[in-house]
Amino acid sequence: MKQKTGLPTTGLILAAMFAALTAIGAFIKIPVPVVPFTLQILFVYFAGSLLGSRLGLISQLVYLAVGLAGAPVFTEGGGLGYVLKPTFGYLVGFAIAAYTIGHFVEKKTNPNLRDFILAHFVGLFIVYMMGTAYLYIAMNIIAGKTFTLWQTFLYGFLLAVPGDLLLCIIASIIAVKVYKQIAPLKGRFTWTVKA
């Protein structure tokens, strides 16, 4: 009998909800030069740790798709041209981070606060690794400006990361409590195998 994977409607609804929350997070921001501080990553943490790897990834891919399709859900609008923005790498990092966070949590039988903190820190590292690399390339090649490695580190990481580190801890404290409540229900919205 051929096996196929199926995704309950509840899972799709939750993925769409977290995509919407990430979009809302883009508008809650503190202006910082080059890379503004937003609450987007807070919902990336939650998407990965509460929805799991696949649904967390889907939620962020939906967010990316909606924004690139033209909806103004990114920090500075939307549209296909957004790929030329210096901060686009952070958005790509959101999708990879959500999957990685979810994968890490899924490997734990009974994840505790330390597990969530570690998973979120790994996700944060991925976002900034992708974001700063893209920032450097975008500024120097796409924008044609001289943007040094020090400027990339300063504006792409140093000025932006303190708030995200705080959100990492806050998200971990909340996630470990919520996870325990939804763990018995997760089978209703995760991927299943059907005959």
Protein backbone atom coordinates (compact mmCIF):
# COMPACT_ATOMS: atom_id res chain seq x y z
CA MET A 1 0.00 0.00 0.00
CA LYS A 2 1.40 3.38 -0.98
CA GLN A 3 2.14 5.68 1.94
CA LYS A 4 1.52 9.39 1.85
CA THR A 5 1.70 12.22 4.33
CA GLY A 6 -1.28 14.29 5.29
CA LEU A 7 -1.69 17.51 7.22
CA PRO A 8 -4.87 18.15 9.20
CA THR A 9 -6.75 21.39 8.60
CA THR A 10 -5.95 22.45 12.16
CA GLY A 11 -2.25 22.37 11.33
CA LEU A 12 -2.71 24.57 8.29
CA ILE A 13 -4.77 27.04 10.31
CA LEU A 14 -2.10 27.21 13.00
CA ALA A 15 0.64 27.69 10.41
CA ALA A 16 -1.34 30.54 8.85
CA MET A 17 -1.93 32.04 12.30
CA PHE A 18 1.78 32.06 13.12
CA ALA A 19 2.53 33.56 9.70
CA ALA A 20 0.09 36.35 10.59
CA LEU A 21 1.68 36.80 14.02
CA THR A 22 5.12 37.12 12.42
CA ALA A 23 3.68 39.78 10.13
CA ILE A 24 2.23 41.65 13.12
CA GLY A 25 5.61 41.40 14.81
CA ALA A 26 7.16 43.25 11.87
CA PHE A 27 5.14 46.36 12.75
CA ILE A 28 6.09 46.34 16.43
CA LYS A 29 9.54 47.78 16.06
CA ILE A 30 12.18 50.04 17.52
CA PRO A 31 14.09 51.95 14.85
CA VAL A 32 17.73 50.89 14.85
CA PRO A 33 20.06 51.88 11.97
CA VAL A 34 20.08 49.39 9.04
CA VAL A 35 18.44 46.47 10.91
CA PRO A 36 15.43 47.55 13.02
CA PHE A 37 14.50 45.64 16.17
CA THR A 38 11.10 43.94 15.80
CA LEU A 39 9.06 41.25 17.53
CA GLN A 40 9.13 38.97 14.48
CA ILE A 41 11.65 36.58 15.95
CA LEU A 42 9.48 36.08 19.04
CA PHE A 43 6.89 34.38 16.85
CA VAL A 44 9.58 32.45 15.00
CA TYR A 45 10.62 30.99 18.36
CA PHE A 46 7.02 30.04 19.12
CA ALA A 47 6.36 28.69 15.63
CA GLY A 48 9.25 26.27 15.87
CA SER A 49 8.89 25.20 19.49
CA LEU A 50 5.09 24.92 19.62
CA LEU A 51 4.17 23.85 16.09
CA GLY A 52 7.15 21.61 15.43
CA SER A 53 9.69 21.56 12.63
CA ARG A 54 7.46 21.09 9.58
CA LEU A 55 4.58 23.34 10.59
CA GLY A 56 6.99 25.93 11.95
CA LEU A 57 8.77 25.95 8.61
CA ILE A 58 5.48 26.15 6.71
CA SER A 59 4.33 29.11 8.81
CA GLN A 60 7.43 31.10 7.90
CA LEU A 61 7.34 30.05 4.25
CA VAL A 62 3.73 31.27 4.11
CA TYR A 63 4.87 34.56 5.64
CA LEU A 64 7.62 34.88 3.03
CA ALA A 65 5.30 33.94 0.16
CA VAL A 66 2.62 36.44 1.19
CA GLY A 67 5.19 39.21 1.51
CA LEU A 68 6.93 38.45 -1.77
CA ALA A 69 3.53 38.30 -3.47
CA GLY A 70 3.12 41.97 -2.62
CA ALA A 71 1.33 42.16 0.72
CA PRO A 72 3.08 44.76 2.95
CA VAL A 73 3.83 42.30 5.76
CA PHE A 74 7.58 42.89 5.99
CA THR A 75 9.16 45.66 8.06
CA GLU A 76 9.45 47.91 5.02
CA GLY A 77 6.57 46.70 2.85
CA GLY A 78 6.54 43.73 0.51
CA GLY A 79 6.87 42.61 -3.10
CA LEU A 80 9.31 40.50 -5.07
CA GLY A 81 11.83 43.34 -5.07
CA TYR A 82 12.24 42.81 -1.33
CA VAL A 83 14.85 40.16 -2.10
CA LEU A 84 17.16 43.08 -2.92
CA LYS A 85 16.70 44.59 0.54
CA PRO A 86 19.75 44.24 2.83
CA THR A 87 17.61 42.66 5.57
CA PHE A 88 16.04 39.93 3.41
CA GLY A 89 18.52 37.35 4.73
CA TYR A 90 16.97 37.59 8.18
CA LEU A 91 13.58 36.61 6.73
CA VAL A 92 15.09 33.54 5.07
CA GLY A 93 16.74 32.79 8.40
CA PHE A 94 13.32 32.83 10.09
CA ALA A 95 12.18 29.81 8.06
CA ILE A 96 15.35 27.81 8.67
CA ALA A 97 15.37 28.75 12.36
CA ALA A 98 11.72 27.72 12.88
CA TYR A 99 12.45 24.30 11.36
CA THR A 100 15.64 23.85 13.41
CA ILE A 101 14.00 24.90 16.68
CA GLY A 102 11.12 22.52 16.07
CA HIS A 103 13.45 19.67 15.15
CA PHE A 104 15.48 20.20 18.31
CA VAL A 105 12.40 20.23 20.57
CA GLU A 106 10.89 17.19 18.82
CA LYS A 107 13.96 15.13 19.67
CA LYS A 108 13.30 15.64 23.38
CA THR A 109 10.84 13.34 25.12
CA ASN A 110 9.97 15.88 27.78
CA PRO A 111 11.68 19.18 26.90
CA ASN A 112 12.50 21.47 29.81
CA LEU A 113 13.35 25.17 30.05
CA ARG A 114 17.01 24.56 29.25
CA ASP A 115 16.05 22.68 26.08
CA PHE A 116 13.86 25.54 24.87
CA ILE A 117 16.53 28.14 25.66
CA LEU A 118 19.13 26.12 23.76
CA ALA A 119 16.79 25.57 20.80
CA HIS A 120 15.92 29.25 20.65
CA PHE A 121 19.57 30.29 20.89
CA VAL A 122 20.41 27.99 17.99
CA GLY A 123 17.54 29.51 16.02
CA LEU A 124 18.77 33.01 16.86
CA PHE A 125 22.26 32.10 15.67
CA ILE A 126 20.86 30.85 12.36
CA VAL A 127 18.83 34.03 11.81
CA TYR A 128 21.84 36.26 12.44
CA MET A 129 24.23 34.08 10.44
CA MET A 130 21.90 34.25 7.42
CA GLY A 131 21.03 37.89 8.02
CA THR A 132 24.53 39.30 8.41
CA ALA A 133 25.92 37.31 5.47
CA TYR A 134 23.13 38.61 3.22
CA LEU A 135 23.50 42.13 4.62
CA TYR A 136 27.18 42.22 3.69
CA ILE A 137 26.53 40.90 0.17
CA ALA A 138 23.50 43.13 -0.41
CA MET A 139 25.22 46.30 0.70
CA ASN A 140 28.46 45.70 -1.19
CA ILE A 141 27.18 44.03 -4.36
CA ILE A 142 23.49 44.87 -4.82
CA ALA A 143 23.53 48.40 -3.36
CA GLY A 144 27.10 49.04 -4.52
CA LYS A 145 28.09 50.67 -1.23
CA THR A 146 31.25 50.11 0.75
CA PHE A 147 30.10 48.21 3.81
CA THR A 148 32.90 46.73 5.91
CA LEU A 149 32.85 43.57 7.99
CA TRP A 150 32.92 45.75 11.11
CA GLN A 151 29.88 47.73 9.93
CA THR A 152 28.12 44.45 9.15
CA PHE A 153 28.87 43.15 12.64
CA LEU A 154 27.89 46.45 14.29
CA TYR A 155 24.62 47.13 12.45
CA GLY A 156 23.67 43.58 11.55
CA PHE A 157 24.39 41.96 14.90
CA LEU A 158 25.70 44.05 17.78
CA LEU A 159 23.00 46.74 17.82
CA ALA A 160 20.15 44.35 17.06
CA VAL A 161 20.87 41.21 19.07
CA PRO A 162 20.41 42.37 22.72
CA GLY A 163 16.64 42.65 22.35
CA ASP A 164 16.43 39.32 20.54
CA LEU A 165 18.41 37.65 23.32
CA LEU A 166 15.88 38.96 25.84
CA LEU A 167 13.03 37.71 23.64
CA CYS A 168 14.79 34.34 23.50
CA ILE A 169 14.58 33.97 27.29
CA ILE A 170 11.00 35.27 27.47
CA ALA A 171 9.89 32.95 24.66
CA SER A 172 11.53 29.97 26.37
CA ILE A 173 9.78 30.62 29.69
CA ILE A 174 6.41 30.91 27.96
CA ALA A 175 6.98 28.05 25.51
CA VAL A 176 7.88 25.46 28.15
CA LYS A 177 4.58 26.14 29.95
CA VAL A 178 2.44 26.21 26.82
CA TYR A 179 4.13 23.12 25.39
CA LYS A 180 3.14 21.05 28.41
CA GLN A 181 -0.48 22.11 27.92
CA ILE A 182 -0.64 21.36 24.20
CA ALA A 183 1.58 18.26 24.11
CA PRO A 184 -1.40 15.84 24.43
CA LEU A 185 -3.16 17.64 21.55
CA LYS A 186 -0.24 17.91 19.12
CA GLY A 187 -1.21 14.76 17.21
CA ARG A 188 -4.31 16.56 16.00
CA PHE A 189 -2.41 19.15 14.00
CA THR A 190 0.89 17.51 13.07
CA TRP A 191 1.80 15.51 9.99
CA THR A 192 0.41 11.98 9.90
CA VAL A 193 0.98 8.95 7.71
CA LYS A 194 -2.04 7.54 5.91
CA ALA A 195 -2.38 4.23 4.11
